[in-house]
């Protein structure tokens, strides 16, 4: 195996590891977001578990965070929580999730 091939394999391996870490961070963030919204909506433990799974699944609809944001916005519309607060909380919980994996 040439030096170039070894370097290429190394970069590919790093890319896979980076993508896996990104996925774990996003999933953890979605868990935290689900907990946050569940508390606002006064869900019991079973409802909370189900809601967290709904948020995690919502993230698979399209690339990026917009799908999760739309779900949260819809679910919180009766609570009159501004978009900016939802986005700020998403960012805050993303940073918390990053620290979980650093």
C-alpha atoms as a PDB file:
ATOM      1  CA  UNK A   1       0.000   0.000   0.000  1.00  0.00           C
ATOM      2  CA  UNK A   2       1.452   3.365  -1.002  1.00  0.00           C
ATOM      3  CA  UNK A   3       1.810   6.303   1.348  1.00  0.00           C
ATOM      4  CA  UNK A   4      -0.966   8.053  -0.561  1.00  0.00           C
ATOM      5  CA  UNK A   5      -3.325   5.089  -0.042  1.00  0.00           C
ATOM      6  CA  UNK A   6      -2.515   5.028   3.678  1.00  0.00           C
ATOM      7  CA  UNK A   7      -3.261   8.737   3.988  1.00  0.00           C
ATOM      8  CA  UNK A   8      -6.487   8.351   2.037  1.00  0.00           C
ATOM      9  CA  UNK A   9      -7.624   5.503   4.319  1.00  0.00           C
ATOM     10  CA  UNK A  10      -6.745   7.652   7.328  1.00  0.00           C
ATOM     11  CA  UNK A  11      -8.825  10.562   6.031  1.00  0.00           C
ATOM     12  CA  UNK A  12     -11.735   8.254   5.248  1.00  0.00           C
ATOM     13  CA  UNK A  13     -11.601   6.770   8.733  1.00  0.00           C
ATOM     14  CA  UNK A  14     -11.504  10.236  10.315  1.00  0.00           C
ATOM     15  CA  UNK A  15     -14.460  11.343   8.189  1.00  0.00           C
ATOM     16  CA  UNK A  16     -16.514   8.332   9.333  1.00  0.00           C
ATOM     17  CA  UNK A  17     -15.636   9.030  12.949  1.00  0.00           C
ATOM     18  CA  UNK A  18     -16.519  12.736  12.589  1.00  0.00           C
ATOM     19  CA  UNK A  19     -19.880  11.907  11.008  1.00  0.00           C
ATOM     20  CA  UNK A  20     -20.646   9.388  13.745  1.00  0.00           C
ATOM     21  CA  UNK A  21     -19.822  11.959  16.425  1.00  0.00           C
ATOM     22  CA  UNK A  22     -21.998  14.559  14.674  1.00  0.00           C
ATOM     23  CA  UNK A  23     -24.905  12.097  14.593  1.00  0.00           C
ATOM     24  CA  UNK A  24     -24.493  11.319  18.296  1.00  0.00           C
ATOM     25  CA  UNK A  25     -24.381  15.019  19.194  1.00  0.00           C
ATOM     26  CA  UNK A  26     -27.522  15.760  17.164  1.00  0.00           C
ATOM     27  CA  UNK A  27     -29.357  12.820  18.731  1.00  0.00           C
ATOM     28  CA  UNK A  28     -28.359  13.906  22.223  1.00  0.00           C
ATOM     29  CA  UNK A  29     -29.412  17.476  21.470  1.00  0.00           C
ATOM     30  CA  UNK A  30     -32.764  16.221  20.253  1.00  0.00           C
ATOM     31  CA  UNK A  31     -33.160  14.230  23.463  1.00  0.00           C
ATOM     32  CA  UNK A  32     -32.487  17.352  25.516  1.00  0.00           C
ATOM     33  CA  UNK A  33     -34.901  19.371  23.366  1.00  0.00           C
ATOM     34  CA  UNK A  34     -37.569  16.704  23.806  1.00  0.00           C
ATOM     35  CA  UNK A  35     -37.099  16.860  27.566  1.00  0.00           C
ATOM     36  CA  UNK A  36     -37.322  20.661  27.534  1.00  0.00           C
ATOM     37  CA  UNK A  37     -40.558  20.731  25.511  1.00  0.00           C
ATOM     38  CA  UNK A  38     -42.025  17.849  27.537  1.00  0.00           C
ATOM     39  CA  UNK A  39     -41.519  19.871  30.697  1.00  0.00           C
ATOM     40  CA  UNK A  40     -43.201  22.905  29.145  1.00  0.00           C
ATOM     41  CA  UNK A  41     -46.150  20.734  28.056  1.00  0.00           C
ATOM     42  CA  UNK A  42     -46.321  19.046  31.497  1.00  0.00           C
ATOM     43  CA  UNK A  43     -45.983  15.537  30.089  1.00  0.00           C
ATOM     44  CA  UNK A  44     -45.784  12.534  32.398  1.00  0.00           C
ATOM     45  CA  UNK A  45     -42.821  10.128  32.134  1.00  0.00           C
ATOM     46  CA  UNK A  46     -44.405   7.897  29.457  1.00  0.00           C
ATOM     47  CA  UNK A  47     -45.481  10.879  27.381  1.00  0.00           C
ATOM     48  CA  UNK A  48     -42.018  12.376  27.799  1.00  0.00           C
ATOM     49  CA  UNK A  49     -40.294   9.214  26.534  1.00  0.00           C
ATOM     50  CA  UNK A  50     -42.615   9.050  23.525  1.00  0.00           C
ATOM     51  CA  UNK A  51     -42.164  12.732  22.764  1.00  0.00           C
ATOM     52  CA  UNK A  52     -38.374  12.480  22.879  1.00  0.00           C
ATOM     53  CA  UNK A  53     -38.572   9.677  20.294  1.00  0.00           C
ATOM     54  CA  UNK A  54     -40.849  11.839  18.108  1.00  0.00           C
ATOM     55  CA  UNK A  55     -38.315  14.673  18.170  1.00  0.00           C
ATOM     56  CA  UNK A  56     -35.460  12.319  17.323  1.00  0.00           C
ATOM     57  CA  UNK A  57     -37.465  10.838  14.431  1.00  0.00           C
ATOM     58  CA  UNK A  58     -38.425  14.315  13.184  1.00  0.00           C
ATOM     59  CA  UNK A  59     -34.734  14.994  12.569  1.00  0.00           C
ATOM     60  CA  UNK A  60     -34.630  12.267   9.897  1.00  0.00           C
ATOM     61  CA  UNK A  61     -37.142  14.006   7.619  1.00  0.00           C
ATOM     62  CA  UNK A  62     -34.603  16.284   5.965  1.00  0.00           C
ATOM     63  CA  UNK A  63     -31.029  17.479   6.324  1.00  0.00           C
ATOM     64  CA  UNK A  64     -30.400  20.235   8.844  1.00  0.00           C
ATOM     65  CA  UNK A  65     -32.347  21.387  11.871  1.00  0.00           C
ATOM     66  CA  UNK A  66     -35.351  22.914  10.138  1.00  0.00           C
ATOM     67  CA  UNK A  67     -37.452  19.763  10.470  1.00  0.00           C
ATOM     68  CA  UNK A  68     -36.924  19.654  14.236  1.00  0.00           C
ATOM     69  CA  UNK A  69     -37.566  23.377  14.545  1.00  0.00           C
ATOM     70  CA  UNK A  70     -40.890  23.092  12.683  1.00  0.00           C
ATOM     71  CA  UNK A  71     -42.007  20.264  14.976  1.00  0.00           C
ATOM     72  CA  UNK A  72     -41.111  22.212  18.101  1.00  0.00           C
ATOM     73  CA  UNK A  73     -42.780  25.360  16.808  1.00  0.00           C
ATOM     74  CA  UNK A  74     -45.972  23.454  16.021  1.00  0.00           C
ATOM     75  CA  UNK A  75     -45.992  21.650  19.366  1.00  0.00           C
ATOM     76  CA  UNK A  76     -45.356  24.852  21.318  1.00  0.00           C
ATOM     77  CA  UNK A  77     -47.724  27.160  19.418  1.00  0.00           C
ATOM     78  CA  UNK A  78     -50.299  27.102  22.238  1.00  0.00           C
ATOM     79  CA  UNK A  79     -47.587  28.283  24.665  1.00  0.00           C
ATOM     80  CA  UNK A  80     -46.716  31.363  22.559  1.00  0.00           C
ATOM     81  CA  UNK A  81     -42.979  30.728  22.690  1.00  0.00           C
ATOM     82  CA  UNK A  82     -41.199  32.923  20.137  1.00  0.00           C
ATOM     83  CA  UNK A  83     -39.153  31.373  17.338  1.00  0.00           C
ATOM     84  CA  UNK A  84     -36.024  33.093  18.663  1.00  0.00           C
ATOM     85  CA  UNK A  85     -36.397  31.381  22.035  1.00  0.00           C
ATOM     86  CA  UNK A  86     -36.797  27.962  20.406  1.00  0.00           C
ATOM     87  CA  UNK A  87     -33.726  28.508  18.207  1.00  0.00           C
ATOM     88  CA  UNK A  88     -31.712  29.830  21.152  1.00  0.00           C
ATOM     89  CA  UNK A  89     -32.624  26.768  23.204  1.00  0.00           C
ATOM     90  CA  UNK A  90     -31.703  24.470  20.312  1.00  0.00           C
ATOM     91  CA  UNK A  91     -28.289  26.146  20.084  1.00  0.00           C
ATOM     92  CA  UNK A  92     -27.790  26.001  23.845  1.00  0.00           C
ATOM     93  CA  UNK A  93     -28.674  22.314  24.012  1.00  0.00           C
ATOM     94  CA  UNK A  94     -26.474  21.573  21.003  1.00  0.00           C
ATOM     95  CA  UNK A  95     -23.522  23.050  22.891  1.00  0.00           C
ATOM     96  CA  UNK A  96     -24.445  20.972  25.944  1.00  0.00           C
ATOM     97  CA  UNK A  97     -24.556  17.834  23.784  1.00  0.00           C
ATOM     98  CA  UNK A  98     -21.142  18.688  22.293  1.00  0.00           C
ATOM     99  CA  UNK A  99     -19.618  18.824  25.765  1.00  0.00           C
ATOM    100  CA  UNK A 100     -21.065  15.374  26.468  1.00  0.00           C
ATOM    101  CA  UNK A 101     -18.885  13.954  23.678  1.00  0.00           C
ATOM    102  CA  UNK A 102     -15.691  15.950  24.112  1.00  0.00           C
END
